[in-house]
């Protein structure tokens, strides 16, 4: 009995140590705590800080180009006005982000980051699933990017359903802003690898239940050191953070 108890205890401690050692700090919109979000400089900074993964947001323009930007409207983050999705590419090239940079194409970010870090592409805009898969296929076929280096996520679950129909192997993450347990059903249906909830909707019971169903957990957006430590202690697999170097401040 004593030997069996010690074996179980050892396994539990080992599992806890493994979970803690693999806790990921994902660079949210690049290193947006230091540089303009979703900009080339922001992604360069994330690479400089050795981010385990970068996260970015994607829209498709009426002329077919995939661009990296967060808001539906240009007003708050750039000198442009109105809906991003109404701009043809030649007009969007005239728009500047608030720090003077141009809005990058998804291909520019992939060229910068491929093979250097994992990449989480959030399908932010409508009808993004198919053009994203077509672009990624070019990178996969050329060997510039490996399929296990990419995670496709979205709050638009219909875009994730189309993603899975187009590619039965690419990793998928289900984004949620309410009770993350409600995402378990679709996560199973799409063979997702993760559920990515708002961190304030989590508690230990939910973390354990999601793990028990076979999914990883990547919580957004966690910047405070105390909250980061709490997520790590609960066994969350990783967090999206504006400061990808803050993992160095956490206790084991």
C-alpha atoms as a PDB file:
ATOM      1  CA  UNK A   1       0.000   0.000   0.000  1.00  0.00           C
ATOM      2  CA  UNK A   2       2.802   2.380   0.938  1.00  0.00           C
ATOM      3  CA  UNK A   3       4.632   1.746  -2.332  1.00  0.00           C
ATOM      4  CA  UNK A   4       1.449   2.291  -4.330  1.00  0.00           C
ATOM      5  CA  UNK A   5       0.755   5.538  -2.486  1.00  0.00           C
ATOM      6  CA  UNK A   6       4.305   6.777  -3.145  1.00  0.00           C
ATOM      7  CA  UNK A   7       3.987   5.887  -6.823  1.00  0.00           C
ATOM      8  CA  UNK A   8       0.732   7.844  -7.186  1.00  0.00           C
ATOM      9  CA  UNK A   9       2.263  10.777  -5.303  1.00  0.00           C
ATOM     10  CA  UNK A  10       5.312  10.725  -7.589  1.00  0.00           C
ATOM     11  CA  UNK A  11       3.133  10.695 -10.710  1.00  0.00           C
ATOM     12  CA  UNK A  12       1.060  13.628  -9.433  1.00  0.00           C
ATOM     13  CA  UNK A  13       4.131  15.676  -8.552  1.00  0.00           C
ATOM     14  CA  UNK A  14       5.714  14.887 -11.915  1.00  0.00           C
ATOM     15  CA  UNK A  15       2.565  15.921 -13.760  1.00  0.00           C
ATOM     16  CA  UNK A  16       2.394  19.174 -11.813  1.00  0.00           C
ATOM     17  CA  UNK A  17       6.038  19.908 -12.535  1.00  0.00           C
ATOM     18  CA  UNK A  18       5.518  19.209 -16.240  1.00  0.00           C
ATOM     19  CA  UNK A  19       2.477  21.500 -16.408  1.00  0.00           C
ATOM     20  CA  UNK A  20       4.364  24.289 -14.712  1.00  0.00           C
ATOM     21  CA  UNK A  21       7.485  23.877 -16.842  1.00  0.00           C
ATOM     22  CA  UNK A  22       5.458  24.120 -20.075  1.00  0.00           C
ATOM     23  CA  UNK A  23       3.450  27.210 -19.080  1.00  0.00           C
ATOM     24  CA  UNK A  24       3.469  29.438 -22.179  1.00  0.00           C
ATOM     25  CA  UNK A  25       3.432  33.200 -22.358  1.00  0.00           C
ATOM     26  CA  UNK A  26       1.915  33.971 -25.752  1.00  0.00           C
ATOM     27  CA  UNK A  27       2.798  37.367 -27.252  1.00  0.00           C
ATOM     28  CA  UNK A  28      -0.606  39.056 -27.600  1.00  0.00           C
ATOM     29  CA  UNK A  29      -0.728  40.977 -30.903  1.00  0.00           C
ATOM     30  CA  UNK A  30       3.033  40.728 -30.716  1.00  0.00           C
ATOM     31  CA  UNK A  31       4.697  42.500 -27.815  1.00  0.00           C
ATOM     32  CA  UNK A  32       1.991  45.174 -27.725  1.00  0.00           C
ATOM     33  CA  UNK A  33       2.992  46.323 -24.265  1.00  0.00           C
ATOM     34  CA  UNK A  34       6.164  47.676 -25.864  1.00  0.00           C
ATOM     35  CA  UNK A  35       5.288  48.375 -29.511  1.00  0.00           C
ATOM     36  CA  UNK A  36       2.250  49.228 -31.622  1.00  0.00           C
ATOM     37  CA  UNK A  37      -0.054  46.210 -31.566  1.00  0.00           C
ATOM     38  CA  UNK A  38      -0.181  43.912 -34.610  1.00  0.00           C
ATOM     39  CA  UNK A  39       2.701  45.785 -36.244  1.00  0.00           C
ATOM     40  CA  UNK A  40       5.915  44.456 -37.702  1.00  0.00           C
ATOM     41  CA  UNK A  41       7.844  46.139 -34.876  1.00  0.00           C
ATOM     42  CA  UNK A  42       5.606  44.440 -32.320  1.00  0.00           C
ATOM     43  CA  UNK A  43       6.317  41.004 -33.791  1.00  0.00           C
ATOM     44  CA  UNK A  44      10.023  41.758 -34.034  1.00  0.00           C
ATOM     45  CA  UNK A  45      10.008  42.690 -30.337  1.00  0.00           C
ATOM     46  CA  UNK A  46       8.206  39.445 -29.465  1.00  0.00           C
ATOM     47  CA  UNK A  47      10.881  37.473 -31.313  1.00  0.00           C
ATOM     48  CA  UNK A  48      13.581  39.455 -29.528  1.00  0.00           C
ATOM     49  CA  UNK A  49      11.972  38.442 -26.219  1.00  0.00           C
ATOM     50  CA  UNK A  50      11.927  34.775 -27.287  1.00  0.00           C
ATOM     51  CA  UNK A  51       8.140  34.439 -27.198  1.00  0.00           C
ATOM     52  CA  UNK A  52       7.016  30.808 -27.356  1.00  0.00           C
ATOM     53  CA  UNK A  53       4.135  31.867 -29.613  1.00  0.00           C
ATOM     54  CA  UNK A  54       2.839  35.070 -31.173  1.00  0.00           C
ATOM     55  CA  UNK A  55      -0.848  35.892 -31.575  1.00  0.00           C
ATOM     56  CA  UNK A  56      -2.292  38.072 -34.324  1.00  0.00           C
ATOM     57  CA  UNK A  57      -5.655  39.046 -35.807  1.00  0.00           C
ATOM     58  CA  UNK A  58      -6.614  38.709 -39.458  1.00  0.00           C
ATOM     59  CA  UNK A  59      -9.132  40.359 -41.793  1.00  0.00           C
ATOM     60  CA  UNK A  60      -9.596  39.875 -45.538  1.00  0.00           C
ATOM     61  CA  UNK A  61      -9.959  42.916 -47.791  1.00  0.00           C
ATOM     62  CA  UNK A  62     -12.474  43.184 -50.657  1.00  0.00           C
ATOM     63  CA  UNK A  63      -9.504  42.854 -53.029  1.00  0.00           C
ATOM     64  CA  UNK A  64      -8.562  39.529 -51.407  1.00  0.00           C
ATOM     65  CA  UNK A  65      -5.500  40.423 -49.330  1.00  0.00           C
ATOM     66  CA  UNK A  66      -5.163  39.172 -45.743  1.00  0.00           C
ATOM     67  CA  UNK A  67      -4.100  41.908 -43.345  1.00  0.00           C
ATOM     68  CA  UNK A  68      -3.143  41.885 -39.669  1.00  0.00           C
ATOM     69  CA  UNK A  69      -5.280  44.263 -37.594  1.00  0.00           C
ATOM     70  CA  UNK A  70      -7.512  44.007 -34.537  1.00  0.00           C
ATOM     71  CA  UNK A  71     -10.447  46.412 -34.767  1.00  0.00           C
ATOM     72  CA  UNK A  72     -13.262  46.324 -37.298  1.00  0.00           C
ATOM     73  CA  UNK A  73     -12.945  50.119 -37.609  1.00  0.00           C
ATOM     74  CA  UNK A  74      -9.671  51.841 -38.477  1.00  0.00           C
ATOM     75  CA  UNK A  75     -10.286  54.971 -36.391  1.00  0.00           C
ATOM     76  CA  UNK A  76      -8.780  54.116 -32.992  1.00  0.00           C
ATOM     77  CA  UNK A  77      -5.561  52.447 -34.135  1.00  0.00           C
ATOM     78  CA  UNK A  78      -4.664  54.388 -37.279  1.00  0.00           C
ATOM     79  CA  UNK A  79      -5.189  57.578 -39.264  1.00  0.00           C
ATOM     80  CA  UNK A  80      -7.775  55.799 -41.400  1.00  0.00           C
ATOM     81  CA  UNK A  81     -11.522  56.098 -41.024  1.00  0.00           C
ATOM     82  CA  UNK A  82     -14.359  53.612 -41.232  1.00  0.00           C
ATOM     83  CA  UNK A  83     -14.535  49.824 -41.616  1.00  0.00           C
ATOM     84  CA  UNK A  84     -11.261  48.109 -42.469  1.00  0.00           C
ATOM     85  CA  UNK A  85     -13.077  45.573 -44.632  1.00  0.00           C
ATOM     86  CA  UNK A  86     -14.308  48.355 -46.962  1.00  0.00           C
ATOM     87  CA  UNK A  87     -10.773  49.302 -48.036  1.00  0.00           C
ATOM     88  CA  UNK A  88      -9.203  47.876 -51.206  1.00  0.00           C
ATOM     89  CA  UNK A  89      -5.525  47.139 -50.681  1.00  0.00           C
ATOM     90  CA  UNK A  90      -4.234  50.104 -52.716  1.00  0.00           C
ATOM     91  CA  UNK A  91      -6.192  52.466 -50.430  1.00  0.00           C
ATOM     92  CA  UNK A  92      -5.160  50.683 -47.232  1.00  0.00           C
ATOM     93  CA  UNK A  93      -1.515  51.164 -48.191  1.00  0.00           C
ATOM     94  CA  UNK A  94      -2.050  54.894 -47.630  1.00  0.00           C
ATOM     95  CA  UNK A  95      -3.200  54.306 -44.025  1.00  0.00           C
ATOM     96  CA  UNK A  96      -0.687  54.489 -41.187  1.00  0.00           C
ATOM     97  CA  UNK A  97      -0.886  52.972 -37.733  1.00  0.00           C
ATOM     98  CA  UNK A  98      -0.673  55.403 -34.828  1.00  0.00           C
ATOM     99  CA  UNK A  99       3.107  55.033 -34.671  1.00  0.00           C
ATOM    100  CA  UNK A 100       3.567  55.595 -38.407  1.00  0.00           C
ATOM    101  CA  UNK A 101       3.956  51.985 -39.537  1.00  0.00           C
ATOM    102  CA  UNK A 102       1.846  50.462 -42.290  1.00  0.00           C
ATOM    103  CA  UNK A 103      -0.731  47.758 -41.642  1.00  0.00           C
ATOM    104  CA  UNK A 104       1.063  44.481 -42.424  1.00  0.00           C
ATOM    105  CA  UNK A 105      -0.055  41.694 -44.682  1.00  0.00           C
ATOM    106  CA  UNK A 106      -0.353  38.290 -43.036  1.00  0.00           C
ATOM    107  CA  UNK A 107       2.294  37.048 -45.476  1.00  0.00           C
ATOM    108  CA  UNK A 108       4.741  39.686 -44.188  1.00  0.00           C
ATOM    109  CA  UNK A 109       4.305  38.469 -40.613  1.00  0.00           C
ATOM    110  CA  UNK A 110       4.628  34.837 -41.665  1.00  0.00           C
ATOM    111  CA  UNK A 111       7.816  35.662 -43.567  1.00  0.00           C
ATOM    112  CA  UNK A 112       9.199  37.324 -40.440  1.00  0.00           C
ATOM    113  CA  UNK A 113       8.167  34.702 -37.882  1.00  0.00           C
ATOM    114  CA  UNK A 114       7.991  31.355 -39.693  1.00  0.00           C
ATOM    115  CA  UNK A 115      10.331  28.757 -38.159  1.00  0.00           C
ATOM    116  CA  UNK A 116      11.240  31.194 -35.350  1.00  0.00           C
ATOM    117  CA  UNK A 117       8.173  30.802 -33.125  1.00  0.00           C
ATOM    118  CA  UNK A 118       4.685  29.276 -33.133  1.00  0.00           C
ATOM    119  CA  UNK A 119       1.934  31.451 -34.609  1.00  0.00           C
ATOM    120  CA  UNK A 120      -1.669  31.802 -33.410  1.00  0.00           C
ATOM    121  CA  UNK A 121      -3.833  33.282 -36.172  1.00  0.00           C
ATOM    122  CA  UNK A 122      -7.150  34.595 -34.910  1.00  0.00           C
ATOM    123  CA  UNK A 123      -9.777  34.747 -37.641  1.00  0.00           C
ATOM    124  CA  UNK A 124     -11.107  38.161 -36.694  1.00  0.00           C
ATOM    125  CA  UNK A 125     -12.973  39.177 -39.803  1.00  0.00           C
ATOM    126  CA  UNK A 126     -15.712  37.511 -41.802  1.00  0.00           C
ATOM    127  CA  UNK A 127     -14.913  34.912 -44.473  1.00  0.00           C
ATOM    128  CA  UNK A 128     -11.296  34.565 -43.407  1.00  0.00           C
ATOM    129  CA  UNK A 129     -11.087  30.775 -43.035  1.00  0.00           C
ATOM    130  CA  UNK A 130     -10.628  29.881 -46.689  1.00  0.00           C
ATOM    131  CA  UNK A 131      -8.080  32.552 -47.725  1.00  0.00           C
ATOM    132  CA  UNK A 132      -6.040  31.867 -44.585  1.00  0.00           C
ATOM    133  CA  UNK A 133      -5.948  28.150 -45.385  1.00  0.00           C
ATOM    134  CA  UNK A 134      -4.974  28.847 -48.989  1.00  0.00           C
ATOM    135  CA  UNK A 135      -2.090  31.077 -47.881  1.00  0.00           C
ATOM    136  CA  UNK A 136      -0.924  28.642 -45.198  1.00  0.00           C
ATOM    137  CA  UNK A 137      -0.985  25.781 -47.687  1.00  0.00           C
ATOM    138  CA  UNK A 138       1.586  27.639 -49.779  1.00  0.00           C
ATOM    139  CA  UNK A 139       3.836  27.963 -46.717  1.00  0.00           C
ATOM    140  CA  UNK A 140       3.336  24.322 -45.731  1.00  0.00           C
ATOM    141  CA  UNK A 141       4.075  23.086 -49.257  1.00  0.00           C
ATOM    142  CA  UNK A 142       7.217  25.199 -49.503  1.00  0.00           C
ATOM    143  CA  UNK A 143       8.486  23.930 -46.145  1.00  0.00           C
ATOM    144  CA  UNK A 144       8.705  27.466 -44.743  1.00  0.00           C
ATOM    145  CA  UNK A 145       6.146  26.605 -42.061  1.00  0.00           C
ATOM    146  CA  UNK A 146       5.139  23.373 -40.322  1.00  0.00           C
ATOM    147  CA  UNK A 147       1.505  22.635 -39.566  1.00  0.00           C
ATOM    148  CA  UNK A 148       2.225  22.036 -35.869  1.00  0.00           C
ATOM    149  CA  UNK A 149       3.662  25.572 -35.615  1.00  0.00           C
ATOM    150  CA  UNK A 150       0.236  27.112 -36.277  1.00  0.00           C
ATOM    151  CA  UNK A 151      -2.910  27.480 -34.164  1.00  0.00           C
ATOM    152  CA  UNK A 152      -6.105  28.801 -35.759  1.00  0.00           C
ATOM    153  CA  UNK A 153      -8.568  30.399 -33.332  1.00  0.00           C
ATOM    154  CA  UNK A 154     -11.704  32.514 -33.484  1.00  0.00           C
ATOM    155  CA  UNK A 155     -14.774  33.708 -31.635  1.00  0.00           C
ATOM    156  CA  UNK A 156     -16.555  33.072 -34.945  1.00  0.00           C
ATOM    157  CA  UNK A 157     -17.088  29.350 -34.502  1.00  0.00           C
ATOM    158  CA  UNK A 158     -18.515  29.021 -38.015  1.00  0.00           C
ATOM    159  CA  UNK A 159     -15.103  30.091 -39.349  1.00  0.00           C
ATOM    160  CA  UNK A 160     -13.491  27.327 -37.289  1.00  0.00           C
ATOM    161  CA  UNK A 161     -15.986  24.810 -38.670  1.00  0.00           C
ATOM    162  CA  UNK A 162     -14.999  25.827 -42.202  1.00  0.00           C
ATOM    163  CA  UNK A 163     -11.315  25.679 -41.242  1.00  0.00           C
ATOM    164  CA  UNK A 164     -11.735  22.078 -40.124  1.00  0.00           C
ATOM    165  CA  UNK A 165     -13.624  21.213 -43.323  1.00  0.00           C
ATOM    166  CA  UNK A 166     -10.739  22.636 -45.354  1.00  0.00           C
ATOM    167  CA  UNK A 167      -7.953  21.077 -43.297  1.00  0.00           C
ATOM    168  CA  UNK A 168      -8.456  18.039 -41.075  1.00  0.00           C
ATOM    169  CA  UNK A 169      -5.071  18.342 -39.375  1.00  0.00           C
ATOM    170  CA  UNK A 170      -4.459  21.983 -38.543  1.00  0.00           C
ATOM    171  CA  UNK A 171      -4.603  22.785 -34.790  1.00  0.00           C
ATOM    172  CA  UNK A 172      -7.693  24.745 -33.721  1.00  0.00           C
ATOM    173  CA  UNK A 173      -8.382  26.779 -30.571  1.00  0.00           C
ATOM    174  CA  UNK A 174     -11.936  27.710 -29.516  1.00  0.00           C
ATOM    175  CA  UNK A 175     -12.098  31.300 -28.252  1.00  0.00           C
ATOM    176  CA  UNK A 176     -14.717  32.080 -25.597  1.00  0.00           C
ATOM    177  CA  UNK A 177     -15.725  35.144 -23.597  1.00  0.00           C
ATOM    178  CA  UNK A 178     -18.402  33.473 -21.449  1.00  0.00           C
ATOM    179  CA  UNK A 179     -18.485  30.080 -19.707  1.00  0.00           C
ATOM    180  CA  UNK A 180     -15.682  28.069 -21.356  1.00  0.00           C
ATOM    181  CA  UNK A 181     -17.415  24.771 -20.536  1.00  0.00           C
ATOM    182  CA  UNK A 182     -19.927  25.606 -23.270  1.00  0.00           C
ATOM    183  CA  UNK A 183     -17.098  25.260 -25.810  1.00  0.00           C
ATOM    184  CA  UNK A 184     -16.349  21.624 -24.958  1.00  0.00           C
ATOM    185  CA  UNK A 185     -18.952  20.232 -27.359  1.00  0.00           C
ATOM    186  CA  UNK A 186     -17.698  22.138 -30.420  1.00  0.00           C
ATOM    187  CA  UNK A 187     -14.088  21.546 -29.368  1.00  0.00           C
ATOM    188  CA  UNK A 188     -14.758  17.818 -29.518  1.00  0.00           C
ATOM    189  CA  UNK A 189     -16.611  18.082 -32.814  1.00  0.00           C
ATOM    190  CA  UNK A 190     -13.753  19.998 -34.430  1.00  0.00           C
ATOM    191  CA  UNK A 191     -10.998  17.954 -32.777  1.00  0.00           C
ATOM    192  CA  UNK A 192      -9.633  21.178 -31.342  1.00  0.00           C
ATOM    193  CA  UNK A 193      -6.420  21.201 -29.329  1.00  0.00           C
ATOM    194  CA  UNK A 194      -7.410  24.026 -26.994  1.00  0.00           C
ATOM    195  CA  UNK A 195     -10.138  26.159 -25.473  1.00  0.00           C
ATOM    196  CA  UNK A 196      -9.028  29.777 -25.085  1.00  0.00           C
ATOM    197  CA  UNK A 197     -11.195  31.574 -22.498  1.00  0.00           C
ATOM    198  CA  UNK A 198     -11.251  34.981 -20.848  1.00  0.00           C
ATOM    199  CA  UNK A 199      -9.178  34.393 -17.737  1.00  0.00           C
ATOM    200  CA  UNK A 200     -11.776  35.829 -15.357  1.00  0.00           C
ATOM    201  CA  UNK A 201     -14.249  33.095 -16.373  1.00  0.00           C
ATOM    202  CA  UNK A 202     -11.923  30.374 -15.039  1.00  0.00           C
ATOM    203  CA  UNK A 203     -11.776  28.600 -11.707  1.00  0.00           C
ATOM    204  CA  UNK A 204     -10.005  25.424 -10.640  1.00  0.00           C
ATOM    205  CA  UNK A 205     -13.008  23.200 -11.302  1.00  0.00           C
ATOM    206  CA  UNK A 206     -13.360  24.455 -14.882  1.00  0.00           C
ATOM    207  CA  UNK A 207      -9.637  24.114 -15.558  1.00  0.00           C
ATOM    208  CA  UNK A 208      -9.675  20.533 -14.311  1.00  0.00           C
ATOM    209  CA  UNK A 209     -12.815  19.644 -16.277  1.00  0.00           C
ATOM    210  CA  UNK A 210     -11.499  21.080 -19.544  1.00  0.00           C
ATOM    211  CA  UNK A 211      -8.232  19.201 -19.065  1.00  0.00           C
ATOM    212  CA  UNK A 212     -10.143  16.032 -18.242  1.00  0.00           C
ATOM    213  CA  UNK A 213     -11.888  16.345 -21.606  1.00  0.00           C
ATOM    214  CA  UNK A 214      -8.505  16.401 -23.323  1.00  0.00           C
ATOM    215  CA  UNK A 215      -8.064  20.088 -24.171  1.00  0.00           C
ATOM    216  CA  UNK A 216      -5.339  22.571 -23.391  1.00  0.00           C
ATOM    217  CA  UNK A 217      -6.231  25.971 -21.939  1.00  0.00           C
ATOM    218  CA  UNK A 218      -4.837  29.295 -23.140  1.00  0.00           C
ATOM    219  CA  UNK A 219      -6.369  32.216 -21.261  1.00  0.00           C
ATOM    220  CA  UNK A 220      -6.603  35.812 -22.469  1.00  0.00           C
ATOM    221  CA  UNK A 221      -5.442  38.550 -21.755  1.00  0.00           C
ATOM    222  CA  UNK A 222      -3.355  38.318 -18.584  1.00  0.00           C
ATOM    223  CA  UNK A 223      -0.820  41.068 -17.804  1.00  0.00           C
ATOM    224  CA  UNK A 224      -0.739  41.434 -14.021  1.00  0.00           C
ATOM    225  CA  UNK A 225       1.965  39.329 -12.329  1.00  0.00           C
ATOM    226  CA  UNK A 226      -0.455  38.160  -9.636  1.00  0.00           C
ATOM    227  CA  UNK A 227      -2.981  37.005 -12.229  1.00  0.00           C
ATOM    228  CA  UNK A 228      -0.251  35.318 -14.266  1.00  0.00           C
ATOM    229  CA  UNK A 229       0.893  33.425 -11.192  1.00  0.00           C
ATOM    230  CA  UNK A 230      -2.691  32.428 -10.393  1.00  0.00           C
ATOM    231  CA  UNK A 231      -3.205  31.028 -13.897  1.00  0.00           C
ATOM    232  CA  UNK A 232       0.036  29.080 -13.675  1.00  0.00           C
ATOM    233  CA  UNK A 233      -0.810  27.692 -10.229  1.00  0.00           C
ATOM    234  CA  UNK A 234      -4.239  26.558 -11.493  1.00  0.00           C
ATOM    235  CA  UNK A 235      -2.546  24.540 -14.221  1.00  0.00           C
ATOM    236  CA  UNK A 236      -3.546  26.686 -17.190  1.00  0.00           C
ATOM    237  CA  UNK A 237      -1.301  25.743 -20.127  1.00  0.00           C
ATOM    238  CA  UNK A 238      -0.569  29.302 -21.174  1.00  0.00           C
ATOM    239  CA  UNK A 239      -1.793  32.871 -21.367  1.00  0.00           C
ATOM    240  CA  UNK A 240      -1.931  35.658 -23.882  1.00  0.00           C
ATOM    241  CA  UNK A 241       0.068  38.570 -22.515  1.00  0.00           C
ATOM    242  CA  UNK A 242       1.034  42.021 -23.792  1.00  0.00           C
ATOM    243  CA  UNK A 243       4.448  41.573 -22.146  1.00  0.00           C
ATOM    244  CA  UNK A 244       5.866  38.230 -23.322  1.00  0.00           C
ATOM    245  CA  UNK A 245       8.902  38.523 -21.027  1.00  0.00           C
ATOM    246  CA  UNK A 246       6.844  38.521 -17.816  1.00  0.00           C
ATOM    247  CA  UNK A 247       7.110  34.772 -17.439  1.00  0.00           C
ATOM    248  CA  UNK A 248      10.580  35.283 -15.983  1.00  0.00           C
ATOM    249  CA  UNK A 249       8.973  36.895 -12.922  1.00  0.00           C
ATOM    250  CA  UNK A 250       6.834  33.887 -11.999  1.00  0.00           C
ATOM    251  CA  UNK A 251       7.536  31.344  -9.268  1.00  0.00           C
ATOM    252  CA  UNK A 252       7.923  27.718 -10.193  1.00  0.00           C
END
